[in-house]
C-alpha atoms as a PDB file:
ATOM      1  CA  UNK A   1     101.753 181.088  86.581  1.00  0.00           C
ATOM      2  CA  UNK A   2      98.288 179.546  86.867  1.00  0.00           C
ATOM      3  CA  UNK A   3      96.099 180.294  89.833  1.00  0.00           C
ATOM      4  CA  UNK A   4      95.911 176.946  91.593  1.00  0.00           C
ATOM      5  CA  UNK A   5      93.234 178.168  94.008  1.00  0.00           C
ATOM      6  CA  UNK A   6      90.553 179.373  91.617  1.00  0.00           C
ATOM      7  CA  UNK A   7      91.345 176.792  88.925  1.00  0.00           C
ATOM      8  CA  UNK A   8      92.975 173.755  90.530  1.00  0.00           C
ATOM      9  CA  UNK A   9      95.152 171.824  88.109  1.00  0.00           C
ATOM     10  CA  UNK A  10      94.032 168.575  89.701  1.00  0.00           C
ATOM     11  CA  UNK A  11      90.317 169.252  89.050  1.00  0.00           C
ATOM     12  CA  UNK A  12      88.524 167.158  86.390  1.00  0.00           C
ATOM     13  CA  UNK A  13      89.319 168.544  82.929  1.00  0.00           C
ATOM     14  CA  UNK A  14      86.793 169.470  80.296  1.00  0.00           C
ATOM     15  CA  UNK A  15      86.749 167.624  76.987  1.00  0.00           C
ATOM     16  CA  UNK A  16      88.041 170.779  75.311  1.00  0.00           C
ATOM     17  CA  UNK A  17      91.232 170.620  77.411  1.00  0.00           C
ATOM     18  CA  UNK A  18      91.990 167.041  76.382  1.00  0.00           C
ATOM     19  CA  UNK A  19      93.627 165.692  73.253  1.00  0.00           C
ATOM     20  CA  UNK A  20      93.232 162.310  71.581  1.00  0.00           C
ATOM     21  CA  UNK A  21      96.149 159.964  72.025  1.00  0.00           C
ATOM     22  CA  UNK A  22      97.040 157.019  69.844  1.00  0.00           C
ATOM     23  CA  UNK A  23      97.676 154.227  72.296  1.00  0.00           C
ATOM     24  CA  UNK A  24     100.650 152.985  70.279  1.00  0.00           C
ATOM     25  CA  UNK A  25     102.503 156.174  71.233  1.00  0.00           C
ATOM     26  CA  UNK A  26     102.665 154.957  74.825  1.00  0.00           C
ATOM     27  CA  UNK A  27     105.417 152.473  73.991  1.00  0.00           C
ATOM     28  CA  UNK A  28     107.729 155.464  73.425  1.00  0.00           C
ATOM     29  CA  UNK A  29     107.160 156.911  76.905  1.00  0.00           C
ATOM     30  CA  UNK A  30     108.842 155.996  80.164  1.00  0.00           C
ATOM     31  CA  UNK A  31     107.155 158.769  82.100  1.00  0.00           C
ATOM     32  CA  UNK A  32     103.853 160.393  81.233  1.00  0.00           C
ATOM     33  CA  UNK A  33     104.472 163.942  79.939  1.00  0.00           C
ATOM     34  CA  UNK A  34     100.844 164.761  80.776  1.00  0.00           C
ATOM     35  CA  UNK A  35      97.843 163.360  82.599  1.00  0.00           C
ATOM     36  CA  UNK A  36      96.315 160.345  80.831  1.00  0.00           C
ATOM     37  CA  UNK A  37      92.574 159.710  80.767  1.00  0.00           C
ATOM     38  CA  UNK A  38      90.191 157.067  79.496  1.00  0.00           C
ATOM     39  CA  UNK A  39      86.806 158.023  78.082  1.00  0.00           C
ATOM     40  CA  UNK A  40      84.301 155.282  78.905  1.00  0.00           C
ATOM     41  CA  UNK A  41      81.408 154.295  76.668  1.00  0.00           C
ATOM     42  CA  UNK A  42      79.079 156.231  78.963  1.00  0.00           C
ATOM     43  CA  UNK A  43      81.166 159.387  78.447  1.00  0.00           C
ATOM     44  CA  UNK A  44      82.798 159.412  81.873  1.00  0.00           C
ATOM     45  CA  UNK A  45      86.420 160.614  82.013  1.00  0.00           C
ATOM     46  CA  UNK A  46      88.753 158.533  84.195  1.00  0.00           C
ATOM     47  CA  UNK A  47      92.276 159.696  85.020  1.00  0.00           C
ATOM     48  CA  UNK A  48      94.684 156.787  84.634  1.00  0.00           C
ATOM     49  CA  UNK A  49      98.099 158.383  85.136  1.00  0.00           C
ATOM     50  CA  UNK A  50      99.490 161.747  86.165  1.00  0.00           C
ATOM     51  CA  UNK A  51     102.281 163.684  84.530  1.00  0.00           C
ATOM     52  CA  UNK A  52     105.587 162.226  85.608  1.00  0.00           C
ATOM     53  CA  UNK A  53     104.231 158.811  86.567  1.00  0.00           C
ATOM     54  CA  UNK A  54     105.909 155.675  85.298  1.00  0.00           C
ATOM     55  CA  UNK A  55     104.155 153.843  82.499  1.00  0.00           C
ATOM     56  CA  UNK A  56     104.986 150.271  83.447  1.00  0.00           C
ATOM     57  CA  UNK A  57     105.220 147.801  80.574  1.00  0.00           C
ATOM     58  CA  UNK A  58     102.125 145.750  81.595  1.00  0.00           C
ATOM     59  CA  UNK A  59     100.143 148.996  81.876  1.00  0.00           C
ATOM     60  CA  UNK A  60     101.282 150.162  78.453  1.00  0.00           C
ATOM     61  CA  UNK A  61     100.455 146.793  76.911  1.00  0.00           C
ATOM     62  CA  UNK A  62      96.968 146.961  78.377  1.00  0.00           C
ATOM     63  CA  UNK A  63      96.145 150.423  77.044  1.00  0.00           C
ATOM     64  CA  UNK A  64      98.177 150.834  73.872  1.00  0.00           C
ATOM     65  CA  UNK A  65      95.364 149.481  71.700  1.00  0.00           C
ATOM     66  CA  UNK A  66      92.703 151.698  73.263  1.00  0.00           C
ATOM     67  CA  UNK A  67      90.937 154.163  70.985  1.00  0.00           C
ATOM     68  CA  UNK A  68      89.474 156.100  73.907  1.00  0.00           C
ATOM     69  CA  UNK A  69      92.718 157.438  75.409  1.00  0.00           C
ATOM     70  CA  UNK A  70      92.889 161.171  76.046  1.00  0.00           C
ATOM     71  CA  UNK A  71      95.640 163.266  77.521  1.00  0.00           C
ATOM     72  CA  UNK A  72      96.216 166.723  78.901  1.00  0.00           C
ATOM     73  CA  UNK A  73      99.814 167.666  78.063  1.00  0.00           C
ATOM     74  CA  UNK A  74     101.871 169.356  80.777  1.00  0.00           C
ATOM     75  CA  UNK A  75     105.537 168.786  79.991  1.00  0.00           C
ATOM     76  CA  UNK A  76     106.816 171.142  77.310  1.00  0.00           C
ATOM     77  CA  UNK A  77     108.947 168.640  75.425  1.00  0.00           C
ATOM     78  CA  UNK A  78     110.528 171.315  73.232  1.00  0.00           C
ATOM     79  CA  UNK A  79     111.801 173.195  76.299  1.00  0.00           C
ATOM     80  CA  UNK A  80     113.050 169.966  77.869  1.00  0.00           C
ATOM     81  CA  UNK A  81     114.873 169.031  74.660  1.00  0.00           C
ATOM     82  CA  UNK A  82     116.483 172.477  74.415  1.00  0.00           C
ATOM     83  CA  UNK A  83     117.693 172.313  78.033  1.00  0.00           C
ATOM     84  CA  UNK A  84     119.120 168.821  77.566  1.00  0.00           C
ATOM     85  CA  UNK A  85     120.939 169.749  74.359  1.00  0.00           C
ATOM     86  CA  UNK A  86     122.303 172.936  75.900  1.00  0.00           C
ATOM     87  CA  UNK A  87     123.612 171.077  78.963  1.00  0.00           C
ATOM     88  CA  UNK A  88     125.158 168.301  76.862  1.00  0.00           C
ATOM     89  CA  UNK A  89     126.905 170.870  74.693  1.00  0.00           C
ATOM     90  CA  UNK A  90     128.461 172.323  77.840  1.00  0.00           C
ATOM     91  CA  UNK A  91     129.313 168.874  79.222  1.00  0.00           C
ATOM     92  CA  UNK A  92     131.003 167.692  76.018  1.00  0.00           C
ATOM     93  CA  UNK A  93     132.916 170.858  75.104  1.00  0.00           C
ATOM     94  CA  UNK A  94     136.667 170.174  74.963  1.00  0.00           C
ATOM     95  CA  UNK A  95     138.095 173.620  74.300  1.00  0.00           C
ATOM     96  CA  UNK A  96     138.147 175.772  77.506  1.00  0.00           C
ATOM     97  CA  UNK A  97     136.698 178.770  75.684  1.00  0.00           C
ATOM     98  CA  UNK A  98     133.890 176.693  74.157  1.00  0.00           C
ATOM     99  CA  UNK A  99     133.278 175.133  77.584  1.00  0.00           C
ATOM    100  CA  UNK A 100     132.753 178.524  79.239  1.00  0.00           C
ATOM    101  CA  UNK A 101     130.578 179.792  76.403  1.00  0.00           C
ATOM    102  CA  UNK A 102     128.407 176.668  76.466  1.00  0.00           C
ATOM    103  CA  UNK A 103     128.092 176.798  80.264  1.00  0.00           C
ATOM    104  CA  UNK A 104     127.088 180.453  80.223  1.00  0.00           C
ATOM    105  CA  UNK A 105     124.536 179.842  77.477  1.00  0.00           C
ATOM    106  CA  UNK A 106     122.950 176.977  79.382  1.00  0.00           C
ATOM    107  CA  UNK A 107     122.818 178.997  82.598  1.00  0.00           C
ATOM    108  CA  UNK A 108     121.263 181.964  80.841  1.00  0.00           C
ATOM    109  CA  UNK A 109     118.616 179.802  79.131  1.00  0.00           C
ATOM    110  CA  UNK A 110     117.707 178.226  82.457  1.00  0.00           C
ATOM    111  CA  UNK A 111     117.706 181.508  84.376  1.00  0.00           C
ATOM    112  CA  UNK A 112     115.450 183.244  81.871  1.00  0.00           C
ATOM    113  CA  UNK A 113     113.129 180.246  81.668  1.00  0.00           C
ATOM    114  CA  UNK A 114     112.600 180.192  85.428  1.00  0.00           C
ATOM    115  CA  UNK A 115     111.526 183.820  85.645  1.00  0.00           C
ATOM    116  CA  UNK A 116     107.755 184.316  85.998  1.00  0.00           C
ATOM    117  CA  UNK A 117     107.456 185.250  82.332  1.00  0.00           C
ATOM    118  CA  UNK A 118     109.896 182.565  81.161  1.00  0.00           C
ATOM    119  CA  UNK A 119     107.378 179.742  80.870  1.00  0.00           C
ATOM    120  CA  UNK A 120     109.564 176.999  82.375  1.00  0.00           C
ATOM    121  CA  UNK A 121     107.693 174.801  84.861  1.00  0.00           C
ATOM    122  CA  UNK A 122     109.229 172.623  87.536  1.00  0.00           C
ATOM    123  CA  UNK A 123     107.927 169.514  85.783  1.00  0.00           C
ATOM    124  CA  UNK A 124     109.880 170.566  82.664  1.00  0.00           C
ATOM    125  CA  UNK A 125     113.039 170.991  84.700  1.00  0.00           C
ATOM    126  CA  UNK A 126     112.401 167.682  86.521  1.00  0.00           C
ATOM    127  CA  UNK A 127     112.070 165.853  83.192  1.00  0.00           C
ATOM    128  CA  UNK A 128     115.250 167.511  81.903  1.00  0.00           C
ATOM    129  CA  UNK A 129     117.190 166.460  85.020  1.00  0.00           C
ATOM    130  CA  UNK A 130     115.919 162.904  84.784  1.00  0.00           C
ATOM    131  CA  UNK A 131     117.044 162.743  81.157  1.00  0.00           C
ATOM    132  CA  UNK A 132     120.428 164.274  81.950  1.00  0.00           C
ATOM    133  CA  UNK A 133     121.359 162.447  85.132  1.00  0.00           C
ATOM    134  CA  UNK A 134     119.527 159.094  84.846  1.00  0.00           C
ATOM    135  CA  UNK A 135     118.418 158.488  88.430  1.00  0.00           C
ATOM    136  CA  UNK A 136     119.008 155.142  90.119  1.00  0.00           C
ATOM    137  CA  UNK A 137     116.224 153.131  88.457  1.00  0.00           C
ATOM    138  CA  UNK A 138     115.965 150.485  91.188  1.00  0.00           C
ATOM    139  CA  UNK A 139     115.522 153.085  93.947  1.00  0.00           C
ATOM    140  CA  UNK A 140     113.062 155.118  91.883  1.00  0.00           C
ATOM    141  CA  UNK A 141     110.996 152.026  91.144  1.00  0.00           C
ATOM    142  CA  UNK A 142     110.886 151.239  94.868  1.00  0.00           C
ATOM    143  CA  UNK A 143     109.468 154.690  95.517  1.00  0.00           C
ATOM    144  CA  UNK A 144     106.986 154.379  92.676  1.00  0.00           C
ATOM    145  CA  UNK A 145     105.771 150.912  93.639  1.00  0.00           C
ATOM    146  CA  UNK A 146     105.592 151.426  97.411  1.00  0.00           C
ATOM    147  CA  UNK A 147     105.153 155.114  98.264  1.00  0.00           C
ATOM    148  CA  UNK A 148     104.055 157.313  95.374  1.00  0.00           C
ATOM    149  CA  UNK A 149     104.127 160.515  97.466  1.00  0.00           C
ATOM    150  CA  UNK A 150     107.815 159.953  98.205  1.00  0.00           C
ATOM    151  CA  UNK A 151     108.423 159.292  94.530  1.00  0.00           C
ATOM    152  CA  UNK A 152     106.743 162.518  93.456  1.00  0.00           C
ATOM    153  CA  UNK A 153     108.702 164.414  96.104  1.00  0.00           C
ATOM    154  CA  UNK A 154     111.878 162.817  94.782  1.00  0.00           C
ATOM    155  CA  UNK A 155     111.271 164.203  91.291  1.00  0.00           C
ATOM    156  CA  UNK A 156     111.122 167.714  92.744  1.00  0.00           C
ATOM    157  CA  UNK A 157     113.719 167.519  95.516  1.00  0.00           C
ATOM    158  CA  UNK A 158     116.429 166.087  93.262  1.00  0.00           C
ATOM    159  CA  UNK A 159     115.887 168.573  90.434  1.00  0.00           C
ATOM    160  CA  UNK A 160     115.609 171.446  92.907  1.00  0.00           C
ATOM    161  CA  UNK A 161     118.925 170.441  94.513  1.00  0.00           C
ATOM    162  CA  UNK A 162     120.582 170.668  91.086  1.00  0.00           C
ATOM    163  CA  UNK A 163     119.011 174.065  90.494  1.00  0.00           C
ATOM    164  CA  UNK A 164     120.203 175.445  93.834  1.00  0.00           C
ATOM    165  CA  UNK A 165     123.652 173.998  93.142  1.00  0.00           C
ATOM    166  CA  UNK A 166     123.868 175.788  89.799  1.00  0.00           C
ATOM    167  CA  UNK A 167     122.782 179.075  91.358  1.00  0.00           C
ATOM    168  CA  UNK A 168     125.339 178.593  94.147  1.00  0.00           C
ATOM    169  CA  UNK A 169     128.268 178.246  91.774  1.00  0.00           C
ATOM    170  CA  UNK A 170     128.631 174.463  91.599  1.00  0.00           C
ATOM    171  CA  UNK A 171     129.335 174.134  87.889  1.00  0.00           C
ATOM    172  CA  UNK A 172     131.007 170.731  87.582  1.00  0.00           C
ATOM    173  CA  UNK A 173     128.614 168.490  85.594  1.00  0.00           C
ATOM    174  CA  UNK A 174     129.900 165.440  87.489  1.00  0.00           C
ATOM    175  CA  UNK A 175     129.065 167.059  90.828  1.00  0.00           C
ATOM    176  CA  UNK A 176     125.600 168.008  89.593  1.00  0.00           C
ATOM    177  CA  UNK A 177     124.923 164.436  88.530  1.00  0.00           C
ATOM    178  CA  UNK A 178     125.981 163.089  91.909  1.00  0.00           C
ATOM    179  CA  UNK A 179     124.017 165.620  93.935  1.00  0.00           C
ATOM    180  CA  UNK A 180     120.986 164.643  91.853  1.00  0.00           C
ATOM    181  CA  UNK A 181     121.498 160.961  92.643  1.00  0.00           C
ATOM    182  CA  UNK A 182     122.143 161.538  96.349  1.00  0.00           C
ATOM    183  CA  UNK A 183     119.074 163.776  96.670  1.00  0.00           C
ATOM    184  CA  UNK A 184     116.878 160.844  95.676  1.00  0.00           C
ATOM    185  CA  UNK A 185     118.224 159.037  98.742  1.00  0.00           C
ATOM    186  CA  UNK A 186     117.163 161.665 101.294  1.00  0.00           C
ATOM    187  CA  UNK A 187     113.853 159.857 101.872  1.00  0.00           C
ATOM    188  CA  UNK A 188     115.086 156.354 101.072  1.00  0.00           C
ATOM    189  CA  UNK A 189     115.042 155.466 104.766  1.00  0.00           C
ATOM    190  CA  UNK A 190     111.246 155.851 104.706  1.00  0.00           C
ATOM    191  CA  UNK A 191     110.786 152.997 102.209  1.00  0.00           C
ATOM    192  CA  UNK A 192     109.493 150.609 104.809  1.00  0.00           C
ATOM    193  CA  UNK A 193     106.325 148.703 105.679  1.00  0.00           C
ATOM    194  CA  UNK A 194     105.830 150.986 108.689  1.00  0.00           C
ATOM    195  CA  UNK A 195     105.721 154.145 106.577  1.00  0.00           C
ATOM    196  CA  UNK A 196     102.236 155.564 107.007  1.00  0.00           C
ATOM    197  CA  UNK A 197     100.094 158.644 106.627  1.00  0.00           C
ATOM    198  CA  UNK A 198     101.092 159.672 110.162  1.00  0.00           C
ATOM    199  CA  UNK A 199     104.798 159.338 109.417  1.00  0.00           C
ATOM    200  CA  UNK A 200     104.384 161.578 106.362  1.00  0.00           C
ATOM    201  CA  UNK A 201     102.555 164.138 108.525  1.00  0.00           C
ATOM    202  CA  UNK A 202     105.389 163.954 111.044  1.00  0.00           C
ATOM    203  CA  UNK A 203     107.937 164.671 108.299  1.00  0.00           C
ATOM    204  CA  UNK A 204     105.821 167.632 107.202  1.00  0.00           C
ATOM    205  CA  UNK A 205     105.522 168.981 110.754  1.00  0.00           C
ATOM    206  CA  UNK A 206     109.238 168.571 111.453  1.00  0.00           C
ATOM    207  CA  UNK A 207     110.090 170.934 108.611  1.00  0.00           C
ATOM    208  CA  UNK A 208     108.553 173.835 110.533  1.00  0.00           C
ATOM    209  CA  UNK A 209     108.925 172.862 114.186  1.00  0.00           C
ATOM    210  CA  UNK A 210     111.981 170.913 115.426  1.00  0.00           C
ATOM    211  CA  UNK A 211     110.668 168.067 117.571  1.00  0.00           C
ATOM    212  CA  UNK A 212     107.179 168.569 116.153  1.00  0.00           C
ATOM    213  CA  UNK A 213     107.208 165.339 114.158  1.00  0.00           C
ATOM    214  CA  UNK A 214     107.913 163.127 117.145  1.00  0.00           C
ATOM    215  CA  UNK A 215     105.296 164.999 119.200  1.00  0.00           C
ATOM    216  CA  UNK A 216     102.662 164.668 116.471  1.00  0.00           C
ATOM    217  CA  UNK A 217     103.131 160.916 116.250  1.00  0.00           C
ATOM    218  CA  UNK A 218     102.847 160.420 120.006  1.00  0.00           C
ATOM    219  CA  UNK A 219      99.828 162.734 120.297  1.00  0.00           C
ATOM    220  CA  UNK A 220      97.980 160.693 117.675  1.00  0.00           C
ATOM    221  CA  UNK A 221      98.738 157.258 119.045  1.00  0.00           C
ATOM    222  CA  UNK A 222     101.233 156.149 116.402  1.00  0.00           C
ATOM    223  CA  UNK A 223     102.912 152.812 116.969  1.00  0.00           C
ATOM    224  CA  UNK A 224     106.391 152.491 118.401  1.00  0.00           C
ATOM    225  CA  UNK A 225     107.560 151.224 115.000  1.00  0.00           C
ATOM    226  CA  UNK A 226     106.213 154.338 113.250  1.00  0.00           C
ATOM    227  CA  UNK A 227     107.959 156.608 115.757  1.00  0.00           C
ATOM    228  CA  UNK A 228     111.217 154.689 115.374  1.00  0.00           C
ATOM    229  CA  UNK A 229     111.020 154.807 111.568  1.00  0.00           C
ATOM    230  CA  UNK A 230     110.493 158.564 111.658  1.00  0.00           C
ATOM    231  CA  UNK A 231     113.377 159.211 114.046  1.00  0.00           C
ATOM    232  CA  UNK A 232     115.806 156.791 112.431  1.00  0.00           C
ATOM    233  CA  UNK A 233     115.022 157.223 108.713  1.00  0.00           C
ATOM    234  CA  UNK A 234     118.014 159.559 108.099  1.00  0.00           C
ATOM    235  CA  UNK A 235     120.312 156.846 109.439  1.00  0.00           C
ATOM    236  CA  UNK A 236     118.489 154.073 107.569  1.00  0.00           C
ATOM    237  CA  UNK A 237     118.748 156.006 104.293  1.00  0.00           C
ATOM    238  CA  UNK A 238     122.396 156.845 104.873  1.00  0.00           C
ATOM    239  CA  UNK A 239     123.303 153.213 105.511  1.00  0.00           C
ATOM    240  CA  UNK A 240     121.439 152.090 102.391  1.00  0.00           C
ATOM    241  CA  UNK A 241     123.138 154.766 100.283  1.00  0.00           C
ATOM    242  CA  UNK A 242     126.605 153.837 101.577  1.00  0.00           C
ATOM    243  CA  UNK A 243     125.964 150.257 100.536  1.00  0.00           C
ATOM    244  CA  UNK A 244     124.575 151.186  97.108  1.00  0.00           C
ATOM    245  CA  UNK A 245     126.522 154.311  96.136  1.00  0.00           C
ATOM    246  CA  UNK A 246     129.538 154.476  98.421  1.00  0.00           C
ATOM    247  CA  UNK A 247     132.136 153.237  95.939  1.00  0.00           C
ATOM    248  CA  UNK A 248     130.626 154.876  92.863  1.00  0.00           C
ATOM    249  CA  UNK A 249     130.840 158.566  93.804  1.00  0.00           C
ATOM    250  CA  UNK A 250     133.607 161.016  93.047  1.00  0.00           C
ATOM    251  CA  UNK A 251     132.169 163.171  95.838  1.00  0.00           C
ATOM    252  CA  UNK A 252     131.324 160.621  98.591  1.00  0.00           C
ATOM    253  CA  UNK A 253     131.054 163.420 101.161  1.00  0.00           C
ATOM    254  CA  UNK A 254     127.647 164.221  99.640  1.00  0.00           C
ATOM    255  CA  UNK A 255     126.277 161.143 101.388  1.00  0.00           C
ATOM    256  CA  UNK A 256     126.518 162.888 104.780  1.00  0.00           C
ATOM    257  CA  UNK A 257     123.612 165.085 103.700  1.00  0.00           C
ATOM    258  CA  UNK A 258     121.332 162.035 103.915  1.00  0.00           C
ATOM    259  CA  UNK A 259     122.252 161.512 107.562  1.00  0.00           C
ATOM    260  CA  UNK A 260     122.047 165.214 108.425  1.00  0.00           C
ATOM    261  CA  UNK A 261     119.040 166.460 106.478  1.00  0.00           C
ATOM    262  CA  UNK A 262     116.959 166.771 109.668  1.00  0.00           C
ATOM    263  CA  UNK A 263     119.726 168.256 111.821  1.00  0.00           C
ATOM    264  CA  UNK A 264     119.545 171.927 112.780  1.00  0.00           C
ATOM    265  CA  UNK A 265     122.414 174.278 113.446  1.00  0.00           C
ATOM    266  CA  UNK A 266     121.298 174.811 117.064  1.00  0.00           C
ATOM    267  CA  UNK A 267     121.415 171.086 117.862  1.00  0.00           C
ATOM    268  CA  UNK A 268     117.640 170.554 117.971  1.00  0.00           C
ATOM    269  CA  UNK A 269     117.472 168.158 115.045  1.00  0.00           C
ATOM    270  CA  UNK A 270     117.822 164.385 114.782  1.00  0.00           C
ATOM    271  CA  UNK A 271     119.041 161.613 114.687  1.00  0.00           C
ATOM    272  CA  UNK A 272     122.039 162.876 116.657  1.00  0.00           C
ATOM    273  CA  UNK A 273     121.177 166.460 117.640  1.00  0.00           C
ATOM    274  CA  UNK A 274     124.411 167.750 116.106  1.00  0.00           C
ATOM    275  CA  UNK A 275     125.346 171.383 116.446  1.00  0.00           C
ATOM    276  CA  UNK A 276     126.011 172.328 112.835  1.00  0.00           C
ATOM    277  CA  UNK A 277     126.885 175.973 113.331  1.00  0.00           C
ATOM    278  CA  UNK A 278     129.039 175.807 110.220  1.00  0.00           C
ATOM    279  CA  UNK A 279     127.655 173.796 107.325  1.00  0.00           C
ATOM    280  CA  UNK A 280     128.916 173.627 103.796  1.00  0.00           C
ATOM    281  CA  UNK A 281     126.795 175.235 101.117  1.00  0.00           C
ATOM    282  CA  UNK A 282     126.076 171.925  99.472  1.00  0.00           C
ATOM    283  CA  UNK A 283     124.768 170.436 102.733  1.00  0.00           C
ATOM    284  CA  UNK A 284     122.612 173.507 103.256  1.00  0.00           C
ATOM    285  CA  UNK A 285     121.183 173.550  99.750  1.00  0.00           C
ATOM    286  CA  UNK A 286     120.257 169.871  99.914  1.00  0.00           C
ATOM    287  CA  UNK A 287     118.475 170.493 103.220  1.00  0.00           C
ATOM    288  CA  UNK A 288     116.723 173.444 101.617  1.00  0.00           C
ATOM    289  CA  UNK A 289     115.584 171.390  98.641  1.00  0.00           C
ATOM    290  CA  UNK A 290     114.189 168.757 100.999  1.00  0.00           C
ATOM    291  CA  UNK A 291     112.459 171.331 103.202  1.00  0.00           C
ATOM    292  CA  UNK A 292     110.932 173.323 100.362  1.00  0.00           C
ATOM    293  CA  UNK A 293     108.966 170.407  98.876  1.00  0.00           C
ATOM    294  CA  UNK A 294     105.673 169.457 100.499  1.00  0.00           C
ATOM    295  CA  UNK A 295     104.434 165.982 101.403  1.00  0.00           C
ATOM    296  CA  UNK A 296     100.791 166.750 100.631  1.00  0.00           C
ATOM    297  CA  UNK A 297      99.714 165.254  97.312  1.00  0.00           C
ATOM    298  CA  UNK A 298      97.701 168.219  96.049  1.00  0.00           C
ATOM    299  CA  UNK A 299     100.521 170.650  96.889  1.00  0.00           C
ATOM    300  CA  UNK A 300     103.072 168.425  95.189  1.00  0.00           C
ATOM    301  CA  UNK A 301     101.015 168.569  92.014  1.00  0.00           C
ATOM    302  CA  UNK A 302     100.806 172.353  92.265  1.00  0.00           C
ATOM    303  CA  UNK A 303     104.599 172.565  92.681  1.00  0.00           C
ATOM    304  CA  UNK A 304     105.183 170.444  89.581  1.00  0.00           C
ATOM    305  CA  UNK A 305     102.871 172.308  87.273  1.00  0.00           C
ATOM    306  CA  UNK A 306     103.702 175.836  88.329  1.00  0.00           C
ATOM    307  CA  UNK A 307     106.949 177.741  88.231  1.00  0.00           C
ATOM    308  CA  UNK A 308     109.817 177.930  90.686  1.00  0.00           C
ATOM    309  CA  UNK A 309     108.345 180.780  92.721  1.00  0.00           C
ATOM    310  CA  UNK A 310     105.525 178.600  94.064  1.00  0.00           C
ATOM    311  CA  UNK A 311     108.185 176.593  95.920  1.00  0.00           C
ATOM    312  CA  UNK A 312     109.866 179.692  97.294  1.00  0.00           C
ATOM    313  CA  UNK A 313     106.584 181.218  98.410  1.00  0.00           C
ATOM    314  CA  UNK A 314     105.685 178.146 100.453  1.00  0.00           C
ATOM    315  CA  UNK A 315     109.144 178.028 101.994  1.00  0.00           C
ATOM    316  CA  UNK A 316     109.216 181.716 102.851  1.00  0.00           C
ATOM    317  CA  UNK A 317     105.889 181.510 104.617  1.00  0.00           C
ATOM    318  CA  UNK A 318     107.455 179.351 107.351  1.00  0.00           C
ATOM    319  CA  UNK A 319     111.225 179.770 107.491  1.00  0.00           C
ATOM    320  CA  UNK A 320     113.138 176.987 109.190  1.00  0.00           C
ATOM    321  CA  UNK A 321     114.664 178.147 112.470  1.00  0.00           C
ATOM    322  CA  UNK A 322     118.303 177.212 112.945  1.00  0.00           C
ATOM    323  CA  UNK A 323     118.959 176.462 109.278  1.00  0.00           C
ATOM    324  CA  UNK A 324     121.599 178.834 107.855  1.00  0.00           C
ATOM    325  CA  UNK A 325     119.882 179.377 104.542  1.00  0.00           C
ATOM    326  CA  UNK A 326     120.571 183.055 103.980  1.00  0.00           C
ATOM    327  CA  UNK A 327     123.619 182.632 101.807  1.00  0.00           C
ATOM    328  CA  UNK A 328     121.886 180.096  99.540  1.00  0.00           C
ATOM    329  CA  UNK A 329     118.750 182.194  99.154  1.00  0.00           C
ATOM    330  CA  UNK A 330     120.776 185.313  98.475  1.00  0.00           C
ATOM    331  CA  UNK A 331     122.799 183.537  95.798  1.00  0.00           C
ATOM    332  CA  UNK A 332     119.655 182.220  94.157  1.00  0.00           C
ATOM    333  CA  UNK A 333     117.948 185.610  94.278  1.00  0.00           C
ATOM    334  CA  UNK A 334     121.002 187.263  92.735  1.00  0.00           C
ATOM    335  CA  UNK A 335     121.262 184.571  90.064  1.00  0.00           C
ATOM    336  CA  UNK A 336     117.566 184.642  89.189  1.00  0.00           C
ATOM    337  CA  UNK A 337     117.561 188.458  89.422  1.00  0.00           C
ATOM    338  CA  UNK A 338     113.999 188.567  90.608  1.00  0.00           C
ATOM    339  CA  UNK A 339     112.949 190.736  93.575  1.00  0.00           C
ATOM    340  CA  UNK A 340     110.220 188.345  94.765  1.00  0.00           C
ATOM    341  CA  UNK A 341     112.799 185.804  95.868  1.00  0.00           C
ATOM    342  CA  UNK A 342     113.641 187.542  99.096  1.00  0.00           C
ATOM    343  CA  UNK A 343     116.232 186.762 101.732  1.00  0.00           C
ATOM    344  CA  UNK A 344     114.650 184.714 104.499  1.00  0.00           C
ATOM    345  CA  UNK A 345     114.782 185.958 108.051  1.00  0.00           C
ATOM    346  CA  UNK A 346     115.927 183.571 110.748  1.00  0.00           C
END
C-alpha cells in the first residue's frame, strides 16, 4: 500500500510517471481507468479527469484528436477482467457442483487480492462491481453532473456494500446486484440545490457524533433549507428509490436501509430516532459501508487508490457508538484472515 502522507497520490505527477495516450482510445472508455492530463505547449501539465470519472461524449469528442494527452494508469484492467470473468462463471453455472466450485474460486481470488500483499485496490474492485452490476445510469449521471463528491462516494460505498455482503455470507448474485443498486441511493436524497459544503460537513460529523451534524450546521449559520435537507435526506432518498426501484427488486426490503442509514440502535439517530436494538446484518453492513467512506475529496481519492485496509483504519479510529457492527467486522476479519482487521469496540 502506498504511503499517502509522504507521497500523496493527488500531487502533480512527474513526466516519468505519465504515459502517452492516443486520443482515439478515449472513445472506448466510459470511465477513466487513470488520471488524464494535457501537456500544454509551454510544458505545463493539466489534469483533465481523475480515475473513475465519466468521459462524457462531448468531452471525448473534444480531446480524442489531441496529440498531447497523457495518463497515469491506476485501474489494473487485467485484475478487473479476471474478477468479472470469475464472477460471471459463478453466476452462469448450472450444475450445483460447478456452481459451488465457481463461487469458491471467485471468493478465494477476491479474498487473496484484498490482502495487503494481494495488490487489489478499491478502485479495481469498484470498476469490477460497476461492470458486473450496471448501476442505475440516470442516478449516477445526476451525481456526476451535480455533486461529484457524492458520486465518488457512491463508487466506493456501493462496491464496499457488496464486499461486506460477500464476507457476511450473502452469496446470491441477484441479492448482490440489488444491494449494489440500493447502496447508490443512500445519498440520493442529497441531490438537491440546497446541498452545500456545510451539508457535506454535517454528514461527515454525524458519522462520529449523533446529533453533531445538526449542531454543526446551526453553529455555522446554515440556512433553514440546508438544515432541513440534512435532516430529511434519508426520507427524500427513500421516497425517490421507492418510486424508481420499488417494483423492480426481488428484495424490496433493502430499500429500508436508505431510510435508516442514519438511525442508531440507541434511538439517537434520525429522521425518526428509531430504537434499532436488533438490526439485520444487511441493514448493518449497508450502514457500515456508508459510514466507512469519507466525504473529504482528498481522502476519497486515497481510499480509491489504496487497498481495503485504509478504509478499515479510518473507521476503527472513530467507532460509531450505538451501531451493532461487531458481528459484521468479525465476519469480515475471519473471511479476510488478516489480524489487522480487528473487532471494533462499542
